[in-house]
mmCIF file of all heavy atoms, coordinates in Angstrom:
data_MODEL
# 
_entry.id   MODEL 
# 
loop_
_atom_site.group_PDB 
_atom_site.id 
_atom_site.type_symbol 
_atom_site.label_atom_id 
_atom_site.label_alt_id 
_atom_site.label_comp_id 
_atom_site.label_asym_id 
_atom_site.label_entity_id 
_atom_site.label_seq_id 
_atom_site.pdbx_PDB_ins_code 
_atom_site.Cartn_x 
_atom_site.Cartn_y 
_atom_site.Cartn_z 
_atom_site.occupancy 
_atom_site.B_iso_or_equiv 
_atom_site.pdbx_formal_charge 
_atom_site.auth_seq_id 
_atom_site.auth_comp_id 
_atom_site.auth_asym_id 
_atom_site.auth_atom_id 
_atom_site.pdbx_PDB_model_num 
ATOM 1   N N   . GLY A 1 1  ? 9.747   -9.088 -19.289 1.00 0.00 ? 1  GLY A N   1 
ATOM 2   C CA  . GLY A 1 1  ? 9.555   -7.722 -19.752 1.00 0.00 ? 1  GLY A CA  1 
ATOM 3   C C   . GLY A 1 1  ? 8.619   -6.895 -18.910 1.00 0.00 ? 1  GLY A C   1 
ATOM 4   O O   . GLY A 1 1  ? 8.360   -5.746 -19.235 1.00 0.00 ? 1  GLY A O   1 
ATOM 5   N N   . VAL A 1 2  ? 8.106   -7.484 -17.826 1.00 0.00 ? 2  VAL A N   1 
ATOM 6   C CA  . VAL A 1 2  ? 7.239   -6.753 -16.912 1.00 0.00 ? 2  VAL A CA  1 
ATOM 7   C C   . VAL A 1 2  ? 7.884   -6.694 -15.535 1.00 0.00 ? 2  VAL A C   1 
ATOM 8   O O   . VAL A 1 2  ? 8.334   -7.716 -15.009 1.00 0.00 ? 2  VAL A O   1 
ATOM 9   C CB  . VAL A 1 2  ? 5.837   -7.392 -16.802 1.00 0.00 ? 2  VAL A CB  1 
ATOM 10  C CG1 . VAL A 1 2  ? 4.995   -6.666 -15.748 1.00 0.00 ? 2  VAL A CG1 1 
ATOM 11  C CG2 . VAL A 1 2  ? 5.124   -7.359 -18.146 1.00 0.00 ? 2  VAL A CG2 1 
ATOM 12  N N   . TRP A 1 3  ? 7.927   -5.485 -14.971 1.00 0.00 ? 3  TRP A N   1 
ATOM 13  C CA  . TRP A 1 3  ? 8.406   -5.275 -13.606 1.00 0.00 ? 3  TRP A CA  1 
ATOM 14  C C   . TRP A 1 3  ? 7.251   -4.679 -12.796 1.00 0.00 ? 3  TRP A C   1 
ATOM 15  O O   . TRP A 1 3  ? 6.210   -4.329 -13.360 1.00 0.00 ? 3  TRP A O   1 
ATOM 16  C CB  . TRP A 1 3  ? 9.603   -4.326 -13.596 1.00 0.00 ? 3  TRP A CB  1 
ATOM 17  C CG  . TRP A 1 3  ? 10.864  -4.963 -14.102 1.00 0.00 ? 3  TRP A CG  1 
ATOM 18  C CD1 . TRP A 1 3  ? 11.883  -5.497 -13.363 1.00 0.00 ? 3  TRP A CD1 1 
ATOM 19  C CD2 . TRP A 1 3  ? 11.267  -5.115 -15.478 1.00 0.00 ? 3  TRP A CD2 1 
ATOM 20  N NE1 . TRP A 1 3  ? 12.876  -5.978 -14.186 1.00 0.00 ? 3  TRP A NE1 1 
ATOM 21  C CE2 . TRP A 1 3  ? 12.527  -5.764 -15.489 1.00 0.00 ? 3  TRP A CE2 1 
ATOM 22  C CE3 . TRP A 1 3  ? 10.674  -4.783 -16.697 1.00 0.00 ? 3  TRP A CE3 1 
ATOM 23  C CZ2 . TRP A 1 3  ? 13.213  -6.068 -16.662 1.00 0.00 ? 3  TRP A CZ2 1 
ATOM 24  C CZ3 . TRP A 1 3  ? 11.338  -5.093 -17.879 1.00 0.00 ? 3  TRP A CZ3 1 
ATOM 25  C CH2 . TRP A 1 3  ? 12.602  -5.731 -17.854 1.00 0.00 ? 3  TRP A CH2 1 
ATOM 26  N N   . ALA A 1 4  ? 7.433   -4.549 -11.494 1.00 0.00 ? 4  ALA A N   1 
ATOM 27  C CA  . ALA A 1 4  ? 6.325   -4.115 -10.637 1.00 0.00 ? 4  ALA A CA  1 
ATOM 28  C C   . ALA A 1 4  ? 6.734   -2.980 -9.711  1.00 0.00 ? 4  ALA A C   1 
ATOM 29  O O   . ALA A 1 4  ? 7.912   -2.818 -9.371  1.00 0.00 ? 4  ALA A O   1 
ATOM 30  C CB  . ALA A 1 4  ? 5.802   -5.290 -9.816  1.00 0.00 ? 4  ALA A CB  1 
ATOM 31  N N   . ALA A 1 5  ? 5.731   -2.193 -9.306  1.00 0.00 ? 5  ALA A N   1 
ATOM 32  C CA  . ALA A 1 5  ? 5.875   -1.177 -8.266  1.00 0.00 ? 5  ALA A CA  1 
ATOM 33  C C   . ALA A 1 5  ? 4.795   -1.438 -7.226  1.00 0.00 ? 5  ALA A C   1 
ATOM 34  O O   . ALA A 1 5  ? 3.676   -1.828 -7.568  1.00 0.00 ? 5  ALA A O   1 
ATOM 35  C CB  . ALA A 1 5  ? 5.730   0.221  -8.841  1.00 0.00 ? 5  ALA A CB  1 
ATOM 36  N N   . ALA A 1 6  ? 5.131   -1.201 -5.968  1.00 0.00 ? 6  ALA A N   1 
ATOM 37  C CA  . ALA A 1 6  ? 4.181   -1.459 -4.879  1.00 0.00 ? 6  ALA A CA  1 
ATOM 38  C C   . ALA A 1 6  ? 3.966   -0.198 -4.064  1.00 0.00 ? 6  ALA A C   1 
ATOM 39  O O   . ALA A 1 6  ? 4.918   0.478  -3.672  1.00 0.00 ? 6  ALA A O   1 
ATOM 40  C CB  . ALA A 1 6  ? 4.706   -2.582 -3.976  1.00 0.00 ? 6  ALA A CB  1 
ATOM 41  N N   . GLY A 1 7  ? 2.701   0.097  -3.813  1.00 0.00 ? 7  GLY A N   1 
ATOM 42  C CA  . GLY A 1 7  ? 2.372   1.274  -3.020  1.00 0.00 ? 7  GLY A CA  1 
ATOM 43  C C   . GLY A 1 7  ? 0.868   1.420  -2.891  1.00 0.00 ? 7  GLY A C   1 
ATOM 44  O O   . GLY A 1 7  ? 0.104   0.607  -3.405  1.00 0.00 ? 7  GLY A O   1 
ATOM 45  N N   . SER A 1 8  ? 0.466   2.478  -2.191  1.00 0.00 ? 8  SER A N   1 
ATOM 46  C CA  . SER A 1 8  ? -0.951  2.730  -1.941  1.00 0.00 ? 8  SER A CA  1 
ATOM 47  C C   . SER A 1 8  ? -1.320  4.127  -2.424  1.00 0.00 ? 8  SER A C   1 
ATOM 48  O O   . SER A 1 8  ? -0.780  5.135  -1.944  1.00 0.00 ? 8  SER A O   1 
ATOM 49  C CB  . SER A 1 8  ? -1.256  2.594  -0.439  1.00 0.00 ? 8  SER A CB  1 
ATOM 50  O OG  . SER A 1 8  ? -2.627  2.759  -0.188  1.00 0.00 ? 8  SER A OG  1 
ATOM 51  N N   . HIS A 1 9  ? -2.213  4.179  -3.393  1.00 0.00 ? 9  HIS A N   1 
ATOM 52  C CA  . HIS A 1 9  ? -2.702  5.424  -3.993  1.00 0.00 ? 9  HIS A CA  1 
ATOM 53  C C   . HIS A 1 9  ? -3.345  6.301  -2.912  1.00 0.00 ? 9  HIS A C   1 
ATOM 54  O O   . HIS A 1 9  ? -3.908  5.791  -1.941  1.00 0.00 ? 9  HIS A O   1 
ATOM 55  C CB  . HIS A 1 9  ? -3.746  5.040  -5.054  1.00 0.00 ? 9  HIS A CB  1 
ATOM 56  C CG  . HIS A 1 9  ? -4.169  6.129  -5.967  1.00 0.00 ? 9  HIS A CG  1 
ATOM 57  N ND1 . HIS A 1 9  ? -5.038  7.132  -5.577  1.00 0.00 ? 9  HIS A ND1 1 
ATOM 58  C CD2 . HIS A 1 9  ? -3.878  6.356  -7.277  1.00 0.00 ? 9  HIS A CD2 1 
ATOM 59  C CE1 . HIS A 1 9  ? -5.255  7.938  -6.605  1.00 0.00 ? 9  HIS A CE1 1 
ATOM 60  N NE2 . HIS A 1 9  ? -4.569  7.497  -7.646  1.00 0.00 ? 9  HIS A NE2 1 
ATOM 61  N N   . PRO A 1 10 ? -3.300  7.631  -3.077  1.00 0.00 ? 10 PRO A N   1 
ATOM 62  C CA  . PRO A 1 10 ? -3.932  8.499  -2.060  1.00 0.00 ? 10 PRO A CA  1 
ATOM 63  C C   . PRO A 1 10 ? -5.414  8.216  -1.846  1.00 0.00 ? 10 PRO A C   1 
ATOM 64  O O   . PRO A 1 10 ? -5.931  8.434  -0.745  1.00 0.00 ? 10 PRO A O   1 
ATOM 65  C CB  . PRO A 1 10 ? -3.690  9.914  -2.597  1.00 0.00 ? 10 PRO A CB  1 
ATOM 66  C CG  . PRO A 1 10 ? -3.207  9.763  -4.001  1.00 0.00 ? 10 PRO A CG  1 
ATOM 67  C CD  . PRO A 1 10 ? -2.560  8.429  -4.073  1.00 0.00 ? 10 PRO A CD  1 
ATOM 68  N N   . HIS A 1 11 ? -6.111  7.739  -2.879  1.00 0.00 ? 11 HIS A N   1 
ATOM 69  C CA  . HIS A 1 11 ? -7.523  7.379  -2.689  1.00 0.00 ? 11 HIS A CA  1 
ATOM 70  C C   . HIS A 1 11 ? -7.684  6.263  -1.663  1.00 0.00 ? 11 HIS A C   1 
ATOM 71  O O   . HIS A 1 11 ? -8.756  6.107  -1.064  1.00 0.00 ? 11 HIS A O   1 
ATOM 72  C CB  . HIS A 1 11 ? -8.146  6.907  -4.011  1.00 0.00 ? 11 HIS A CB  1 
ATOM 73  C CG  . HIS A 1 11 ? -8.294  7.971  -5.047  1.00 0.00 ? 11 HIS A CG  1 
ATOM 74  N ND1 . HIS A 1 11 ? -8.257  9.324  -4.753  1.00 0.00 ? 11 HIS A ND1 1 
ATOM 75  C CD2 . HIS A 1 11 ? -8.488  7.895  -6.395  1.00 0.00 ? 11 HIS A CD2 1 
ATOM 76  C CE1 . HIS A 1 11 ? -8.423  10.015 -5.863  1.00 0.00 ? 11 HIS A CE1 1 
ATOM 77  N NE2 . HIS A 1 11 ? -8.560  9.187  -6.871  1.00 0.00 ? 11 HIS A NE2 1 
ATOM 78  N N   . GLU A 1 12 ? -6.625  5.470  -1.459  1.00 0.00 ? 12 GLU A N   1 
ATOM 79  C CA  . GLU A 1 12 ? -6.674  4.309  -0.564  1.00 0.00 ? 12 GLU A CA  1 
ATOM 80  C C   . GLU A 1 12 ? -6.123  4.619  0.829   1.00 0.00 ? 12 GLU A C   1 
ATOM 81  O O   . GLU A 1 12 ? -5.866  3.709  1.614   1.00 0.00 ? 12 GLU A O   1 
ATOM 82  C CB  . GLU A 1 12 ? -5.871  3.154  -1.173  1.00 0.00 ? 12 GLU A CB  1 
ATOM 83  C CG  . GLU A 1 12 ? -6.385  2.671  -2.515  1.00 0.00 ? 12 GLU A CG  1 
ATOM 84  C CD  . GLU A 1 12 ? -7.708  1.955  -2.383  1.00 0.00 ? 12 GLU A CD  1 
ATOM 85  O OE1 . GLU A 1 12 ? -7.932  1.290  -1.350  1.00 0.00 ? 12 GLU A OE1 1 
ATOM 86  O OE2 . GLU A 1 12 ? -8.537  2.053  -3.324  1.00 0.00 ? 12 GLU A OE2 1 
ATOM 87  N N   . ALA A 1 13 ? -5.942  5.902  1.124   1.00 0.00 ? 13 ALA A N   1 
ATOM 88  C CA  . ALA A 1 13 ? -5.268  6.287  2.374   1.00 0.00 ? 13 ALA A CA  1 
ATOM 89  C C   . ALA A 1 13 ? -5.939  5.706  3.615   1.00 0.00 ? 13 ALA A C   1 
ATOM 90  O O   . ALA A 1 13 ? -5.272  5.208  4.528   1.00 0.00 ? 13 ALA A O   1 
ATOM 91  C CB  . ALA A 1 13 ? -5.201  7.809  2.478   1.00 0.00 ? 13 ALA A CB  1 
ATOM 92  N N   . GLU A 1 14 ? -7.263  5.779  3.679   1.00 0.00 ? 14 GLU A N   1 
ATOM 93  C CA  . GLU A 1 14 ? -7.966  5.280  4.861   1.00 0.00 ? 14 GLU A CA  1 
ATOM 94  C C   . GLU A 1 14 ? -7.732  3.784  5.058   1.00 0.00 ? 14 GLU A C   1 
ATOM 95  O O   . GLU A 1 14 ? -7.509  3.324  6.176   1.00 0.00 ? 14 GLU A O   1 
ATOM 96  C CB  . GLU A 1 14 ? -9.457  5.581  4.746   1.00 0.00 ? 14 GLU A CB  1 
ATOM 97  C CG  . GLU A 1 14 ? -9.794  7.063  4.873   1.00 0.00 ? 14 GLU A CG  1 
ATOM 98  C CD  . GLU A 1 14 ? -11.277 7.325  4.766   1.00 0.00 ? 14 GLU A CD  1 
ATOM 99  O OE1 . GLU A 1 14 ? -11.812 7.306  3.642   1.00 0.00 ? 14 GLU A OE1 1 
ATOM 100 O OE2 . GLU A 1 14 ? -11.915 7.557  5.820   1.00 0.00 ? 14 GLU A OE2 1 
ATOM 101 N N   . HIS A 1 15 ? -7.787  3.030  3.966   1.00 0.00 ? 15 HIS A N   1 
ATOM 102 C CA  . HIS A 1 15 ? -7.566  1.591  4.053   1.00 0.00 ? 15 HIS A CA  1 
ATOM 103 C C   . HIS A 1 15 ? -6.144  1.278  4.489   1.00 0.00 ? 15 HIS A C   1 
ATOM 104 O O   . HIS A 1 15 ? -5.910  0.373  5.293   1.00 0.00 ? 15 HIS A O   1 
ATOM 105 C CB  . HIS A 1 15 ? -7.854  0.928  2.705   1.00 0.00 ? 15 HIS A CB  1 
ATOM 106 C CG  . HIS A 1 15 ? -9.259  1.112  2.231   1.00 0.00 ? 15 HIS A CG  1 
ATOM 107 N ND1 . HIS A 1 15 ? -10.342 0.515  2.854   1.00 0.00 ? 15 HIS A ND1 1 
ATOM 108 C CD2 . HIS A 1 15 ? -9.774  1.836  1.204   1.00 0.00 ? 15 HIS A CD2 1 
ATOM 109 C CE1 . HIS A 1 15 ? -11.450 0.850  2.230   1.00 0.00 ? 15 HIS A CE1 1 
ATOM 110 N NE2 . HIS A 1 15 ? -11.140 1.655  1.229   1.00 0.00 ? 15 HIS A NE2 1 
ATOM 111 N N   . PHE A 1 16 ? -5.182  2.039  3.955   1.00 0.00 ? 16 PHE A N   1 
ATOM 112 C CA  . PHE A 1 16 ? -3.782  1.829  4.321   1.00 0.00 ? 16 PHE A CA  1 
ATOM 113 C C   . PHE A 1 16 ? -3.567  2.084  5.807   1.00 0.00 ? 16 PHE A C   1 
ATOM 114 O O   . PHE A 1 16 ? -2.896  1.304  6.495   1.00 0.00 ? 16 PHE A O   1 
ATOM 115 C CB  . PHE A 1 16 ? -2.880  2.749  3.491   1.00 0.00 ? 16 PHE A CB  1 
ATOM 116 C CG  . PHE A 1 16 ? -1.407  2.523  3.708   1.00 0.00 ? 16 PHE A CG  1 
ATOM 117 C CD1 . PHE A 1 16 ? -0.743  1.526  3.017   1.00 0.00 ? 16 PHE A CD1 1 
ATOM 118 C CD2 . PHE A 1 16 ? -0.694  3.305  4.603   1.00 0.00 ? 16 PHE A CD2 1 
ATOM 119 C CE1 . PHE A 1 16 ? 0.618   1.305  3.213   1.00 0.00 ? 16 PHE A CE1 1 
ATOM 120 C CE2 . PHE A 1 16 ? 0.661   3.103  4.807   1.00 0.00 ? 16 PHE A CE2 1 
ATOM 121 C CZ  . PHE A 1 16 ? 1.325   2.095  4.113   1.00 0.00 ? 16 PHE A CZ  1 
ATOM 122 N N   . LEU A 1 17 ? -4.136  3.162  6.313   1.00 0.00 ? 17 LEU A N   1 
ATOM 123 C CA  . LEU A 1 17 ? -3.930  3.530  7.711   1.00 0.00 ? 17 LEU A CA  1 
ATOM 124 C C   . LEU A 1 17 ? -4.648  2.587  8.679   1.00 0.00 ? 17 LEU A C   1 
ATOM 125 O O   . LEU A 1 17 ? -4.185  2.375  9.802   1.00 0.00 ? 17 LEU A O   1 
ATOM 126 C CB  . LEU A 1 17 ? -4.406  4.963  7.952   1.00 0.00 ? 17 LEU A CB  1 
ATOM 127 C CG  . LEU A 1 17 ? -3.622  6.052  7.201   1.00 0.00 ? 17 LEU A CG  1 
ATOM 128 C CD1 . LEU A 1 17 ? -4.252  7.416  7.436   1.00 0.00 ? 17 LEU A CD1 1 
ATOM 129 C CD2 . LEU A 1 17 ? -2.156  6.062  7.613   1.00 0.00 ? 17 LEU A CD2 1 
ATOM 130 N N   . LYS A 1 18 ? -5.744  2.006  8.239   1.00 0.00 ? 18 LYS A N   1 
ATOM 131 C CA  . LYS A 1 18 ? -6.502  1.109  9.114   1.00 0.00 ? 18 LYS A CA  1 
ATOM 132 C C   . LYS A 1 18 ? -5.821  -0.238 9.300   1.00 0.00 ? 18 LYS A C   1 
ATOM 133 O O   . LYS A 1 18 ? -6.043  -0.925 10.309  1.00 0.00 ? 18 LYS A O   1 
ATOM 134 C CB  . LYS A 1 18 ? -7.915  0.900  8.558   1.00 0.00 ? 18 LYS A CB  1 
ATOM 135 C CG  . LYS A 1 18 ? -8.841  2.093  8.765   1.00 0.00 ? 18 LYS A CG  1 
ATOM 136 C CD  . LYS A 1 18 ? -10.216 1.820  8.170   1.00 0.00 ? 18 LYS A CD  1 
ATOM 137 C CE  . LYS A 1 18 ? -11.143 3.018  8.367   1.00 0.00 ? 18 LYS A CE  1 
ATOM 138 N NZ  . LYS A 1 18 ? -12.472 2.790  7.736   1.00 0.00 ? 18 LYS A NZ  1 
ATOM 139 N N   . LYS A 1 19 ? -4.998  -0.621 8.336   1.00 0.00 ? 19 LYS A N   1 
ATOM 140 C CA  . LYS A 1 19 ? -4.343  -1.919 8.421   1.00 0.00 ? 19 LYS A CA  1 
ATOM 141 C C   . LYS A 1 19 ? -3.084  -1.806 9.278   1.00 0.00 ? 19 LYS A C   1 
ATOM 142 O O   . LYS A 1 19 ? -2.125  -1.113 8.912   1.00 0.00 ? 19 LYS A O   1 
ATOM 143 C CB  . LYS A 1 19 ? -3.992  -2.436 7.029   1.00 0.00 ? 19 LYS A CB  1 
ATOM 144 C CG  . LYS A 1 19 ? -3.468  -3.865 7.040   1.00 0.00 ? 19 LYS A CG  1 
ATOM 145 C CD  . LYS A 1 19 ? -3.352  -4.430 5.642   1.00 0.00 ? 19 LYS A CD  1 
ATOM 146 C CE  . LYS A 1 19 ? -2.931  -5.895 5.710   1.00 0.00 ? 19 LYS A CE  1 
ATOM 147 N NZ  . LYS A 1 19 ? -2.824  -6.497 4.370   1.00 0.00 ? 19 LYS A NZ  1 
ATOM 148 N N   . LYS A 1 20 ? -3.061  -2.498 10.396  1.00 0.00 ? 20 LYS A N   1 
ATOM 149 C CA  . LYS A 1 20 ? -1.960  -2.361 11.348  1.00 0.00 ? 20 LYS A CA  1 
ATOM 150 C C   . LYS A 1 20 ? -0.620  -2.815 10.777  1.00 0.00 ? 20 LYS A C   1 
ATOM 151 O O   . LYS A 1 20 ? 0.430   -2.322 11.190  1.00 0.00 ? 20 LYS A O   1 
ATOM 152 C CB  . LYS A 1 20 ? -2.285  -3.139 12.619  1.00 0.00 ? 20 LYS A CB  1 
ATOM 153 C CG  . LYS A 1 20 ? -3.464  -2.576 13.410  1.00 0.00 ? 20 LYS A CG  1 
ATOM 154 C CD  . LYS A 1 20 ? -3.724  -3.381 14.664  1.00 0.00 ? 20 LYS A CD  1 
ATOM 155 C CE  . LYS A 1 20 ? -4.910  -2.812 15.447  1.00 0.00 ? 20 LYS A CE  1 
ATOM 156 N NZ  . LYS A 1 20 ? -5.195  -3.588 16.681  1.00 0.00 ? 20 LYS A NZ  1 
ATOM 157 N N   . THR A 1 21 ? -0.660  -3.749 9.854   1.00 0.00 ? 21 THR A N   1 
ATOM 158 C CA  . THR A 1 21 ? 0.584   -4.288 9.290   1.00 0.00 ? 21 THR A CA  1 
ATOM 159 C C   . THR A 1 21 ? 0.966   -3.632 7.972   1.00 0.00 ? 21 THR A C   1 
ATOM 160 O O   . THR A 1 21 ? 1.874   -4.106 7.280   1.00 0.00 ? 21 THR A O   1 
ATOM 161 C CB  . THR A 1 21 ? 0.452   -5.805 9.073   1.00 0.00 ? 21 THR A CB  1 
ATOM 162 O OG1 . THR A 1 21 ? -0.596  -6.055 8.116   1.00 0.00 ? 21 THR A OG1 1 
ATOM 163 C CG2 . THR A 1 21 ? 0.148   -6.521 10.381  1.00 0.00 ? 21 THR A CG2 1 
ATOM 164 N N   . ALA A 1 22 ? 0.299   -2.539 7.606   1.00 0.00 ? 22 ALA A N   1 
ATOM 165 C CA  . ALA A 1 22 ? 0.482   -1.966 6.272   1.00 0.00 ? 22 ALA A CA  1 
ATOM 166 C C   . ALA A 1 22 ? 1.931   -1.579 5.989   1.00 0.00 ? 22 ALA A C   1 
ATOM 167 O O   . ALA A 1 22 ? 2.471   -1.898 4.923   1.00 0.00 ? 22 ALA A O   1 
ATOM 168 C CB  . ALA A 1 22 ? -0.426  -0.753 6.089   1.00 0.00 ? 22 ALA A CB  1 
ATOM 169 N N   . VAL A 1 23 ? 2.565   -0.886 6.921   1.00 0.00 ? 23 VAL A N   1 
ATOM 170 C CA  . VAL A 1 23 ? 3.940   -0.439 6.694   1.00 0.00 ? 23 VAL A CA  1 
ATOM 171 C C   . VAL A 1 23 ? 4.877   -1.629 6.540   1.00 0.00 ? 23 VAL A C   1 
ATOM 172 O O   . VAL A 1 23 ? 5.699   -1.684 5.610   1.00 0.00 ? 23 VAL A O   1 
ATOM 173 C CB  . VAL A 1 23 ? 4.408   0.482  7.838   1.00 0.00 ? 23 VAL A CB  1 
ATOM 174 C CG1 . VAL A 1 23 ? 5.911   0.726  7.749   1.00 0.00 ? 23 VAL A CG1 1 
ATOM 175 C CG2 . VAL A 1 23 ? 3.656   1.810  7.797   1.00 0.00 ? 23 VAL A CG2 1 
ATOM 176 N N   . ASN A 1 24 ? 4.750   -2.596 7.419   1.00 0.00 ? 24 ASN A N   1 
ATOM 177 C CA  . ASN A 1 24 ? 5.586   -3.785 7.330   1.00 0.00 ? 24 ASN A CA  1 
ATOM 178 C C   . ASN A 1 24 ? 5.309   -4.560 6.041   1.00 0.00 ? 24 ASN A C   1 
ATOM 179 O O   . ASN A 1 24 ? 6.247   -5.047 5.382   1.00 0.00 ? 24 ASN A O   1 
ATOM 180 C CB  . ASN A 1 24 ? 5.343   -4.687 8.533   1.00 0.00 ? 24 ASN A CB  1 
ATOM 181 C CG  . ASN A 1 24 ? 6.251   -5.905 8.524   1.00 0.00 ? 24 ASN A CG  1 
ATOM 182 O OD1 . ASN A 1 24 ? 7.450   -5.802 8.720   1.00 0.00 ? 24 ASN A OD1 1 
ATOM 183 N ND2 . ASN A 1 24 ? 5.677   -7.077 8.283   1.00 0.00 ? 24 ASN A ND2 1 
ATOM 184 N N   . ASP A 1 25 ? 4.034   -4.650 5.678   1.00 0.00 ? 25 ASP A N   1 
ATOM 185 C CA  . ASP A 1 25 ? 3.675   -5.352 4.442   1.00 0.00 ? 25 ASP A CA  1 
ATOM 186 C C   . ASP A 1 25 ? 4.308   -4.681 3.227   1.00 0.00 ? 25 ASP A C   1 
ATOM 187 O O   . ASP A 1 25 ? 4.805   -5.359 2.312   1.00 0.00 ? 25 ASP A O   1 
ATOM 188 C CB  . ASP A 1 25 ? 2.155   -5.383 4.265   1.00 0.00 ? 25 ASP A CB  1 
ATOM 189 C CG  . ASP A 1 25 ? 1.462   -6.292 5.256   1.00 0.00 ? 25 ASP A CG  1 
ATOM 190 O OD1 . ASP A 1 25 ? 2.166   -7.042 5.980   1.00 0.00 ? 25 ASP A OD1 1 
ATOM 191 O OD2 . ASP A 1 25 ? 0.214   -6.242 5.334   1.00 0.00 ? 25 ASP A OD2 1 
ATOM 192 N N   . LEU A 1 26 ? 4.281   -3.356 3.204   1.00 0.00 ? 26 LEU A N   1 
ATOM 193 C CA  . LEU A 1 26 ? 4.879   -2.631 2.090   1.00 0.00 ? 26 LEU A CA  1 
ATOM 194 C C   . LEU A 1 26 ? 6.389   -2.851 2.052   1.00 0.00 ? 26 LEU A C   1 
ATOM 195 O O   . LEU A 1 26 ? 6.961   -3.115 0.984   1.00 0.00 ? 26 LEU A O   1 
ATOM 196 C CB  . LEU A 1 26 ? 4.572   -1.136 2.204   1.00 0.00 ? 26 LEU A CB  1 
ATOM 197 C CG  . LEU A 1 26 ? 5.217   -0.234 1.138   1.00 0.00 ? 26 LEU A CG  1 
ATOM 198 C CD1 . LEU A 1 26 ? 4.793   -0.653 -0.266  1.00 0.00 ? 26 LEU A CD1 1 
ATOM 199 C CD2 . LEU A 1 26 ? 4.860   1.234  1.394   1.00 0.00 ? 26 LEU A CD2 1 
# 
């Protein structure tokens, strides 16, 4: 009964951009 969504909140933008593998990981 539980499903998931994956993404990065705008507050986390700097962390997302700093991680070189972020796009591939997502």
